[in-house]
Amino acid sequence: METDLDSLLETYISDLRPEVLSSPWIMLNMISSKNGLATLNGTSGALGGPMDKALFRTLRGLSDVILVAAGTVRAENYSAPVISDRMTQIRSSQNRSPLPTIAVVTNSLNLDPDSPLFSSPNYRPAILTSKTGRNKGALPLFKNTDIFQIGESLVDLKAAIPTLAEAYGPVILVEGGPNLNQQLVDLDLFDEFCITISPRYSSDPQSQIVTTAESYQAGKVILDRELVVGDFTFKRFLRKRS
């Protein structure tokens, strides 16, 4: 169904996410090239446009935690999140923190403590790592950062999700990359995923295929809606955890 940008954003804002009833509500947000790949010229951002970026900021504003892998943080040069004015007003009216917390998943700690994400004096991100992961000596370099060590040699995502929800709030937005998304798929650890289909084609030789409903058995995932704004298609899928 075709719609306009304002209606698209209000639709996602009004979606029910009944996380407070039992467990965290986990959203996967992905953008795909027209032919199903996760990147264009090495980044996912190159696939987007103004409509996709507006929804991206809105979904961030809806979340309490933004869960992202270290490789994506490096490739996309992450900094403190930017959300829409509308979501700023909504968060204020709900007495929530001004911004969601970005939690970076990494076993290697191959992150730059002087990068924009970790060096801002006005924003406190989190690092999610394992107890015996590589380069643990680097942890003290991340001054204004919450550190969670969960899992022995690898991050235990199943244990990490409730820990993050308890620390920051129950709505968790997962921004990838594809490896992290697939781990959550394999662990049955999400409730919805939102896929933006870009009009652009990609031929990145190293790009992975974006997770879709075809990753599941028939009936496990349903298409909740499909909206079109300009050349971009926005799909929301829902599933029931097993």
Protein backbone atom coordinates (compact mmCIF):
# COMPACT_ATOMS: atom_id res chain seq x y z
CA MET A 1 0.00 0.00 0.00
CA GLU A 2 1.31 3.45 -0.88
CA THR A 3 1.49 6.09 1.83
CA ASP A 4 3.39 9.24 2.75
CA LEU A 5 6.33 9.59 5.10
CA ASP A 6 4.42 11.10 8.03
CA SER A 7 1.84 8.32 7.94
CA LEU A 8 4.60 5.70 7.72
CA LEU A 9 6.31 7.02 10.85
CA GLU A 10 3.09 7.34 12.84
CA THR A 11 2.21 3.75 11.92
CA TYR A 12 5.44 2.43 13.45
CA ILE A 13 5.03 4.65 16.52
CA SER A 14 1.54 3.29 17.14
CA ASP A 15 2.53 -0.39 16.85
CA LEU A 16 1.87 -2.42 19.99
CA ARG A 17 4.98 -3.89 21.59
CA PRO A 18 3.76 -5.65 24.74
CA GLU A 19 7.21 -6.15 26.23
CA VAL A 20 6.25 -5.26 29.78
CA LEU A 21 3.96 -8.27 30.11
CA SER A 22 6.69 -10.90 30.21
CA SER A 23 10.05 -10.31 28.52
CA PRO A 24 11.94 -7.74 26.43
CA TRP A 25 10.59 -6.85 23.00
CA ILE A 26 13.32 -7.29 20.40
CA MET A 27 13.19 -5.59 17.00
CA LEU A 28 15.58 -6.32 14.15
CA ASN A 29 15.94 -3.45 11.70
CA MET A 30 17.61 -4.05 8.35
CA ILE A 31 17.91 -2.49 4.94
CA SER A 32 18.27 -4.64 1.85
CA SER A 33 19.31 -3.88 -1.69
CA LYS A 34 16.78 -4.65 -4.40
CA ASN A 35 18.57 -7.99 -4.89
CA GLY A 36 18.73 -8.88 -1.19
CA LEU A 37 22.23 -7.82 -0.11
CA ALA A 38 23.07 -5.99 3.11
CA THR A 39 25.52 -3.38 1.80
CA LEU A 40 26.34 -1.13 -1.13
CA ASN A 41 29.96 -0.03 -1.57
CA GLY A 42 30.74 -1.60 1.78
CA THR A 43 28.10 0.03 4.00
CA SER A 44 24.39 -0.33 4.65
CA GLY A 45 23.96 3.45 4.82
CA ALA A 46 24.64 3.75 1.09
CA LEU A 47 21.42 1.81 0.40
CA GLY A 48 19.21 4.31 2.22
CA GLY A 49 17.53 7.59 1.44
CA PRO A 50 15.66 10.31 3.34
CA MET A 51 12.60 8.09 4.00
CA ASP A 52 14.65 5.19 5.32
CA LYS A 53 16.74 7.49 7.50
CA ALA A 54 13.59 9.06 8.97
CA LEU A 55 12.25 5.64 9.92
CA PHE A 56 15.70 4.70 11.26
CA ARG A 57 15.62 7.69 13.64
CA THR A 58 12.05 6.87 14.66
CA LEU A 59 12.82 3.23 15.49
CA ARG A 60 15.82 4.36 17.50
CA GLY A 61 13.57 6.73 19.40
CA LEU A 62 11.17 3.89 20.20
CA SER A 63 13.92 1.76 21.72
CA ASP A 64 15.64 1.68 25.09
CA VAL A 65 18.69 -0.21 23.81
CA ILE A 66 20.34 -0.25 20.38
CA LEU A 67 22.25 -3.52 20.06
CA VAL A 68 24.93 -3.53 17.37
CA ALA A 69 28.04 -5.52 16.48
CA ALA A 70 31.48 -3.94 16.62
CA GLY A 71 32.06 -4.40 12.87
CA THR A 72 29.00 -2.31 12.08
CA VAL A 73 30.10 0.36 14.57
CA ARG A 74 33.45 0.61 12.78
CA ALA A 75 32.07 0.48 9.22
CA GLU A 76 29.31 3.01 9.83
CA ASN A 77 31.38 5.27 12.16
CA TYR A 78 28.78 5.25 14.94
CA SER A 79 28.28 8.20 17.26
CA ALA A 80 25.61 9.10 19.83
CA PRO A 81 22.18 8.33 18.33
CA VAL A 82 20.06 11.00 16.67
CA ILE A 83 16.30 10.64 17.01
CA SER A 84 13.39 12.62 15.58
CA ASP A 85 11.85 15.63 17.33
CA ARG A 86 8.61 13.67 17.57
CA MET A 87 10.34 10.82 19.42
CA THR A 88 12.13 13.30 21.69
CA GLN A 89 8.73 14.64 22.74
CA ILE A 90 7.28 11.16 23.23
CA ARG A 91 10.23 10.01 25.35
CA SER A 92 9.96 13.11 27.51
CA SER A 93 6.23 12.58 28.04
CA GLN A 94 6.95 8.97 29.12
CA ASN A 95 9.76 9.98 31.53
CA ARG A 96 12.26 7.91 29.58
CA SER A 97 15.93 8.72 29.09
CA PRO A 98 16.56 11.36 26.41
CA LEU A 99 18.36 8.84 24.17
CA PRO A 100 18.54 5.05 23.89
CA THR A 101 21.76 3.32 24.95
CA ILE A 102 23.95 1.89 22.19
CA ALA A 103 25.33 -1.48 23.35
CA VAL A 104 28.20 -2.80 21.22
CA VAL A 105 28.76 -6.56 21.03
CA THR A 106 32.46 -7.46 20.80
CA ASN A 107 34.73 -10.30 21.88
CA SER A 108 37.91 -8.73 20.48
CA LEU A 109 37.39 -5.19 21.84
CA ASN A 110 38.59 -3.95 18.46
CA LEU A 111 37.06 -0.54 19.06
CA ASP A 112 38.56 2.94 19.20
CA PRO A 113 38.00 4.60 22.60
CA ASP A 114 38.60 7.97 20.92
CA SER A 115 35.91 7.41 18.27
CA PRO A 116 32.80 9.65 18.36
CA LEU A 117 30.68 6.98 20.05
CA PHE A 118 33.01 6.51 23.01
CA SER A 119 34.51 9.98 23.39
CA SER A 120 31.38 12.10 23.77
CA PRO A 121 31.21 13.57 27.30
CA ASN A 122 27.42 13.83 27.05
CA TYR A 123 26.59 10.27 26.01
CA ARG A 124 27.27 6.96 27.78
CA PRO A 125 27.22 3.84 25.56
CA ALA A 126 27.75 0.23 26.67
CA ILE A 127 30.10 -2.58 25.66
CA LEU A 128 28.94 -6.19 25.80
CA THR A 129 31.86 -8.62 25.87
CA SER A 130 32.82 -12.01 27.29
CA LYS A 131 34.73 -12.80 30.47
CA THR A 132 37.77 -14.28 28.72
CA GLY A 133 37.57 -12.42 25.41
CA ARG A 134 40.66 -11.08 23.68
CA ASN A 135 42.31 -7.79 24.67
CA LYS A 136 40.56 -7.43 28.04
CA GLY A 137 43.33 -5.02 29.02
CA ALA A 138 41.71 -2.43 26.75
CA LEU A 139 38.59 -2.14 28.92
CA PRO A 140 39.94 0.66 31.17
CA LEU A 141 40.43 2.81 28.05
CA PHE A 142 36.66 3.16 27.68
CA LYS A 143 36.07 5.75 30.40
CA ASN A 144 32.48 6.87 29.89
CA THR A 145 31.09 3.42 29.07
CA ASP A 146 29.09 0.72 30.87
CA ILE A 147 30.87 -2.64 30.58
CA PHE A 148 29.03 -5.98 30.69
CA GLN A 149 31.02 -9.24 30.62
CA ILE A 150 28.51 -12.01 29.92
CA GLY A 151 29.57 -15.44 28.70
CA GLU A 152 32.93 -17.17 29.05
CA SER A 153 34.78 -17.04 25.71
CA LEU A 154 31.89 -15.63 23.62
CA VAL A 155 29.13 -13.17 24.47
CA ASP A 156 26.08 -15.07 25.72
CA LEU A 157 23.28 -13.20 23.96
CA LYS A 158 20.58 -15.22 25.67
CA ALA A 159 21.80 -14.00 29.06
CA ALA A 160 22.69 -10.53 27.80
CA ILE A 161 19.23 -9.57 26.54
CA PRO A 162 17.49 -9.60 29.95
CA THR A 163 20.52 -7.92 31.54
CA LEU A 164 20.34 -5.02 29.08
CA ALA A 165 16.57 -4.77 29.48
CA GLU A 166 16.90 -4.57 33.25
CA ALA A 167 19.61 -1.91 33.01
CA TYR A 168 18.04 0.34 30.38
CA GLY A 169 14.51 -0.73 29.48
CA PRO A 170 12.63 -3.48 27.66
CA VAL A 171 12.57 -2.38 24.00
CA ILE A 172 15.73 -3.54 22.23
CA LEU A 173 16.49 -2.53 18.65
CA VAL A 174 19.07 -4.66 16.83
CA GLU A 175 20.90 -2.90 14.00
CA GLY A 176 23.15 -5.76 12.89
CA GLY A 177 25.25 -6.48 11.03
CA PRO A 178 23.97 -9.63 9.38
CA ASN A 179 26.02 -11.97 11.62
CA LEU A 180 24.48 -10.57 14.80
CA ASN A 181 21.02 -10.67 13.24
CA GLN A 182 21.51 -14.31 12.28
CA GLN A 183 22.65 -15.21 15.80
CA LEU A 184 19.43 -13.80 17.22
CA VAL A 185 17.45 -15.63 14.55
CA ASP A 186 19.17 -18.92 15.46
CA LEU A 187 18.55 -18.33 19.18
CA ASP A 188 14.88 -17.45 18.61
CA LEU A 189 15.49 -14.10 20.27
CA PHE A 190 13.27 -11.53 18.61
CA ASP A 191 9.67 -10.49 18.16
CA GLU A 192 9.59 -8.41 15.00
CA PHE A 193 11.82 -7.42 12.16
CA CYS A 194 11.55 -4.40 9.95
CA ILE A 195 13.06 -4.56 6.49
CA THR A 196 13.47 -1.61 4.14
CA ILE A 197 13.81 -2.65 0.51
CA SER A 198 15.98 -0.13 -1.30
CA PRO A 199 15.51 0.57 -5.03
CA ARG A 200 19.29 0.24 -5.43
CA TYR A 201 21.02 -2.93 -6.60
CA SER A 202 24.29 -4.08 -5.05
CA SER A 203 27.13 -6.20 -6.34
CA ASP A 204 29.32 -6.07 -3.20
CA PRO A 205 31.36 -9.29 -3.36
CA GLN A 206 31.66 -9.57 0.44
CA SER A 207 28.09 -8.55 1.30
CA GLN A 208 25.86 -10.98 3.15
CA ILE A 209 22.25 -11.74 2.33
CA VAL A 210 19.71 -9.97 4.55
CA THR A 211 17.68 -12.20 6.86
CA THR A 212 14.10 -12.52 5.61
CA ALA A 213 10.95 -14.43 6.44
CA GLU A 214 12.26 -17.24 4.24
CA SER A 215 14.73 -18.01 7.05
CA TYR A 216 11.86 -19.68 8.92
CA GLN A 217 9.45 -22.54 8.57
CA ALA A 218 6.15 -21.66 6.96
CA GLY A 219 3.79 -20.09 9.47
CA LYS A 220 6.48 -19.09 11.96
CA VAL A 221 6.71 -15.52 10.62
CA ILE A 222 3.87 -13.42 9.24
CA LEU A 223 4.00 -10.29 7.14
CA ASP A 224 2.22 -7.70 9.27
CA ARG A 225 2.25 -5.02 6.56
CA GLU A 226 3.98 -3.71 3.48
CA LEU A 227 4.04 0.05 2.85
CA VAL A 228 5.55 1.96 -0.06
CA VAL A 229 6.89 5.49 0.15
CA GLY A 230 8.42 6.71 -3.10
CA ASP A 231 10.86 4.06 -4.36
CA PHE A 232 11.28 2.37 -0.99
CA THR A 233 9.26 -0.53 0.41
CA PHE A 234 8.90 -0.99 4.18
CA LYS A 235 7.96 -4.43 5.52
CA ARG A 236 7.16 -5.37 9.11
CA PHE A 237 7.18 -9.05 10.10
CA LEU A 238 6.00 -10.55 13.38
CA ARG A 239 6.63 -13.93 14.93
CA LYS A 240 5.79 -15.80 18.05
CA ARG A 241 8.72 -17.14 20.02
CA SER A 242 8.83 -20.88 20.40
